[in-house]
Amino acid sequence: MIQVAVVTFDGFNELDSFIASALINRCRSQGLEALITTPTPVVTSMNGVEVTGQRPIGFVTEADVVLIGSGVKTRDVVADDRMLAMLPLDPSRQLIGSQCSGALVLARLGLLGTMPACVDVTTRPFVEACGVTVLDAPFHAEGNIATAGGCLGSQYLGAWVITRTLGEEAARAAVDYVAPVGEEQQTVDRVLGAVRTGQAVLR
């Protein structure tokens, strides 16, 4: 089983963690599984939703894919050296993605280098303060690292994971399943188009 750690901190944005994990888990029968991974047994979302983690934060060392979600406390996370030490990510053997303010975590871990990132408008100035160029785009990937900006950009991040691990046809089927009725083809074309374009952008 290819395992995906969807890292979810206290104060998380539900859309970021749940859309990516639900989309990826459409492929569980094909050997791809997403698990909500938390630093404490229970985390509370920015809207007060309490969630019990499926895996502890140490799971990131075992996971084949690690997605860093965002939330209202991400700046607290990146200011906490103890928390960052729990995230020994390795892009040479893992696919690593971030959603919105999760890019701050990747920047703080030194994983972005000169790579530009996609983030939400609120997080943009903080990511730029780290010396990272922010793109006016919903998704960008280089090699084994990807970033997505905007809550619904999480569908692109999920589709990227599926494409990279199982192939584009699996991603097409997963997106088609969750697409609004009557808009299946448009949704598939838009999501896979964004992933292809985001991976093709060169600086």
Protein backbone atom coordinates (compact mmCIF):
# COMPACT_ATOMS: atom_id res chain seq x y z
CA MET A 1 0.00 0.00 0.00
CA ILE A 2 1.31 3.46 -0.93
CA GLN A 3 0.66 5.61 2.11
CA VAL A 4 0.02 9.33 2.22
CA ALA A 5 0.40 11.35 5.42
CA VAL A 6 -1.94 14.34 5.34
CA VAL A 7 -0.32 16.42 8.08
CA THR A 8 -3.04 18.28 9.95
CA PHE A 9 -2.17 20.76 12.68
CA ASP A 10 -4.38 22.35 15.31
CA GLY A 11 -6.34 25.20 13.74
CA PHE A 12 -6.41 23.39 10.39
CA ASN A 13 -8.56 24.28 7.41
CA GLU A 14 -11.03 21.43 6.85
CA LEU A 15 -11.08 21.88 3.08
CA ASP A 16 -7.32 21.50 2.80
CA SER A 17 -7.04 18.23 4.69
CA PHE A 18 -10.32 16.55 3.82
CA ILE A 19 -10.58 17.25 0.08
CA ALA A 20 -7.09 15.91 -0.64
CA SER A 21 -7.50 12.87 1.61
CA ALA A 22 -10.99 12.02 0.30
CA LEU A 23 -9.89 12.29 -3.32
CA ILE A 24 -6.81 10.15 -2.75
CA ASN A 25 -8.82 7.55 -0.84
CA ARG A 26 -10.99 7.01 -3.91
CA CYS A 27 -7.95 4.97 -4.99
CA ARG A 28 -7.64 2.82 -1.87
CA SER A 29 -8.61 -0.31 -3.80
CA GLN A 30 -5.70 0.38 -6.14
CA GLY A 31 -3.22 0.51 -3.29
CA LEU A 32 -3.12 4.23 -2.42
CA GLU A 33 -4.26 5.39 1.03
CA ALA A 34 -4.35 8.82 2.70
CA LEU A 35 -4.29 9.11 6.50
CA ILE A 36 -4.89 12.21 8.60
CA THR A 37 -1.64 12.61 10.52
CA THR A 38 -1.59 14.82 13.62
CA PRO A 39 0.94 16.03 16.23
CA THR A 40 -1.55 15.37 19.05
CA PRO A 41 -4.25 12.68 19.31
CA VAL A 42 -7.01 15.22 18.63
CA VAL A 43 -6.79 18.48 16.69
CA THR A 44 -9.42 21.19 16.35
CA SER A 45 -10.07 22.96 13.06
CA MET A 46 -10.29 26.70 12.55
CA ASN A 47 -14.08 26.26 12.72
CA GLY A 48 -14.13 24.14 15.86
CA VAL A 49 -14.34 20.68 14.31
CA GLU A 50 -12.49 18.13 16.44
CA VAL A 51 -10.73 15.34 14.57
CA THR A 52 -8.93 12.29 15.92
CA GLY A 53 -5.76 11.67 13.97
CA GLN A 54 -5.43 8.36 12.14
CA ARG A 55 -1.66 8.36 12.55
CA PRO A 56 0.74 10.22 14.88
CA ILE A 57 3.15 12.78 13.45
CA GLY A 58 5.99 10.23 13.47
CA PHE A 59 4.22 8.52 10.58
CA VAL A 60 5.73 11.09 8.21
CA THR A 61 9.01 9.17 8.29
CA GLU A 62 7.28 6.04 6.96
CA ALA A 63 4.92 7.63 4.44
CA ASP A 64 5.61 7.55 0.72
CA VAL A 65 3.84 10.89 0.30
CA VAL A 66 3.55 13.77 2.78
CA LEU A 67 1.06 16.61 2.32
CA ILE A 68 1.31 19.56 4.69
CA GLY A 69 -2.08 21.16 5.25
CA SER A 70 -2.70 24.75 6.27
CA GLY A 71 -4.56 26.54 8.99
CA VAL A 72 -4.70 29.58 11.22
CA LYS A 73 -1.79 28.46 13.41
CA THR A 74 0.82 27.66 10.74
CA ARG A 75 3.01 30.57 11.78
CA ASP A 76 3.08 29.10 15.28
CA VAL A 77 4.12 25.77 13.78
CA VAL A 78 7.06 27.23 11.85
CA ALA A 79 8.18 29.14 14.94
CA ASP A 80 8.35 25.89 16.94
CA ASP A 81 11.68 24.15 16.37
CA ARG A 82 10.48 21.10 18.28
CA MET A 83 7.54 20.70 15.92
CA LEU A 84 9.69 21.15 12.83
CA ALA A 85 12.08 18.50 14.12
CA MET A 86 9.17 16.05 13.90
CA LEU A 87 9.10 16.56 10.12
CA PRO A 88 12.30 15.03 8.73
CA LEU A 89 11.03 14.97 5.15
CA ASP A 90 13.13 13.58 2.30
CA PRO A 91 12.22 14.56 -1.29
CA SER A 92 14.69 12.00 -2.64
CA ARG A 93 12.32 9.22 -1.55
CA GLN A 94 9.02 10.96 -0.81
CA LEU A 95 6.53 13.03 -2.74
CA ILE A 96 6.01 16.19 -0.69
CA GLY A 97 3.23 18.72 -1.13
CA SER A 98 1.86 21.72 0.69
CA GLN A 99 -1.51 23.43 0.73
CA CYS A 100 -1.70 27.21 1.20
CA SER A 101 0.21 28.14 4.37
CA GLY A 102 1.75 24.67 4.43
CA ALA A 103 4.31 26.22 2.05
CA LEU A 104 5.66 28.11 5.06
CA VAL A 105 6.55 24.76 6.60
CA LEU A 106 8.34 23.62 3.44
CA ALA A 107 10.21 26.92 3.28
CA ARG A 108 11.23 26.71 6.93
CA LEU A 109 12.46 23.13 6.39
CA GLY A 110 14.58 24.35 3.47
CA LEU A 111 12.75 22.19 0.95
CA LEU A 112 11.72 24.87 -1.54
CA GLY A 113 15.15 26.25 -2.32
CA THR A 114 14.72 28.52 -5.35
CA MET A 115 11.44 26.87 -6.34
CA PRO A 116 8.43 29.23 -6.55
CA ALA A 117 5.31 28.33 -4.60
CA CYS A 118 1.54 28.60 -4.75
CA VAL A 119 -0.20 29.86 -1.61
CA ASP A 120 -3.36 31.66 -0.53
CA VAL A 121 -3.49 35.46 -0.56
CA THR A 122 -3.33 35.74 3.23
CA THR A 123 -0.16 33.67 3.45
CA ARG A 124 1.55 35.23 0.46
CA PRO A 125 3.47 38.02 2.26
CA PHE A 126 4.79 35.61 4.89
CA VAL A 127 6.04 33.17 2.25
CA GLU A 128 7.61 36.00 0.26
CA ALA A 129 9.34 37.15 3.45
CA CYS A 130 11.10 33.76 3.43
CA GLY A 131 12.59 34.66 0.05
CA VAL A 132 10.19 32.46 -1.92
CA THR A 133 8.64 33.70 -5.17
CA VAL A 134 4.86 33.26 -5.11
CA LEU A 135 3.07 32.40 -8.37
CA ASP A 136 -0.38 33.66 -9.35
CA ALA A 137 -1.43 30.08 -10.00
CA PRO A 138 -3.28 27.35 -8.10
CA PHE A 139 -0.67 24.61 -8.48
CA HIS A 140 3.03 24.20 -9.17
CA ALA A 141 5.34 21.21 -8.94
CA GLU A 142 9.00 20.59 -9.57
CA GLY A 143 10.31 17.07 -9.21
CA ASN A 144 8.94 15.52 -6.04
CA ILE A 145 7.70 18.78 -4.47
CA ALA A 146 4.39 20.50 -5.15
CA THR A 147 2.48 23.44 -3.72
CA ALA A 148 -1.16 24.44 -4.11
CA GLY A 149 -2.85 27.75 -3.34
CA GLY A 150 -6.46 28.43 -2.43
CA CYS A 151 -8.60 26.00 -0.42
CA LEU A 152 -10.04 24.26 -3.48
CA GLY A 153 -6.52 23.96 -4.88
CA SER A 154 -6.37 20.85 -2.71
CA GLN A 155 -8.09 18.95 -5.53
CA TYR A 156 -5.05 19.65 -7.70
CA LEU A 157 -2.71 18.45 -4.98
CA GLY A 158 -4.70 15.24 -4.57
CA ALA A 159 -4.80 14.68 -8.34
CA TRP A 160 -1.03 15.24 -8.53
CA VAL A 161 -0.45 12.56 -5.90
CA ILE A 162 -2.66 10.08 -7.74
CA THR A 163 -1.06 10.88 -11.08
CA ARG A 164 2.47 10.47 -9.72
CA THR A 165 1.74 7.21 -7.91
CA LEU A 166 -0.90 5.43 -10.01
CA GLY A 167 -0.99 7.32 -13.29
CA GLU A 168 -3.22 9.85 -14.98
CA GLU A 169 -6.04 7.42 -15.75
CA ALA A 170 -6.47 6.69 -12.03
CA ALA A 171 -6.53 10.44 -11.33
CA ARG A 172 -9.06 10.94 -14.11
CA ALA A 173 -11.37 8.31 -12.62
CA ALA A 174 -11.07 9.72 -9.08
CA VAL A 175 -11.80 13.29 -10.16
CA ASP A 176 -14.68 12.15 -12.37
CA TYR A 177 -16.26 10.38 -9.38
CA VAL A 178 -16.26 13.48 -7.15
CA ALA A 179 -17.11 16.02 -9.86
CA PRO A 180 -20.48 17.81 -9.80
CA VAL A 181 -23.11 15.91 -11.78
CA GLY A 182 -23.29 17.19 -15.33
CA GLU A 183 -19.84 18.79 -15.04
CA GLU A 184 -17.72 15.65 -14.93
CA GLN A 185 -15.77 16.20 -18.14
CA GLN A 186 -15.17 19.91 -17.52
CA THR A 187 -13.95 19.17 -13.99
CA VAL A 188 -11.62 16.39 -15.10
CA ASP A 189 -10.19 18.55 -17.88
CA ARG A 190 -9.70 21.51 -15.55
CA VAL A 191 -8.07 19.56 -12.71
CA LEU A 192 -5.76 17.44 -14.86
CA GLY A 193 -5.00 20.45 -17.02
CA ALA A 194 -3.90 22.42 -13.96
CA VAL A 195 -1.69 19.54 -12.82
CA ARG A 196 -0.08 19.17 -16.25
CA THR A 197 0.46 22.92 -16.60
CA GLY A 198 1.77 23.26 -13.05
CA GLN A 199 4.33 20.56 -13.66
CA ALA A 200 5.39 22.05 -17.00
CA VAL A 201 6.18 25.57 -15.74
CA LEU A 202 9.91 26.19 -15.92
CA ARG A 203 11.75 29.19 -14.56
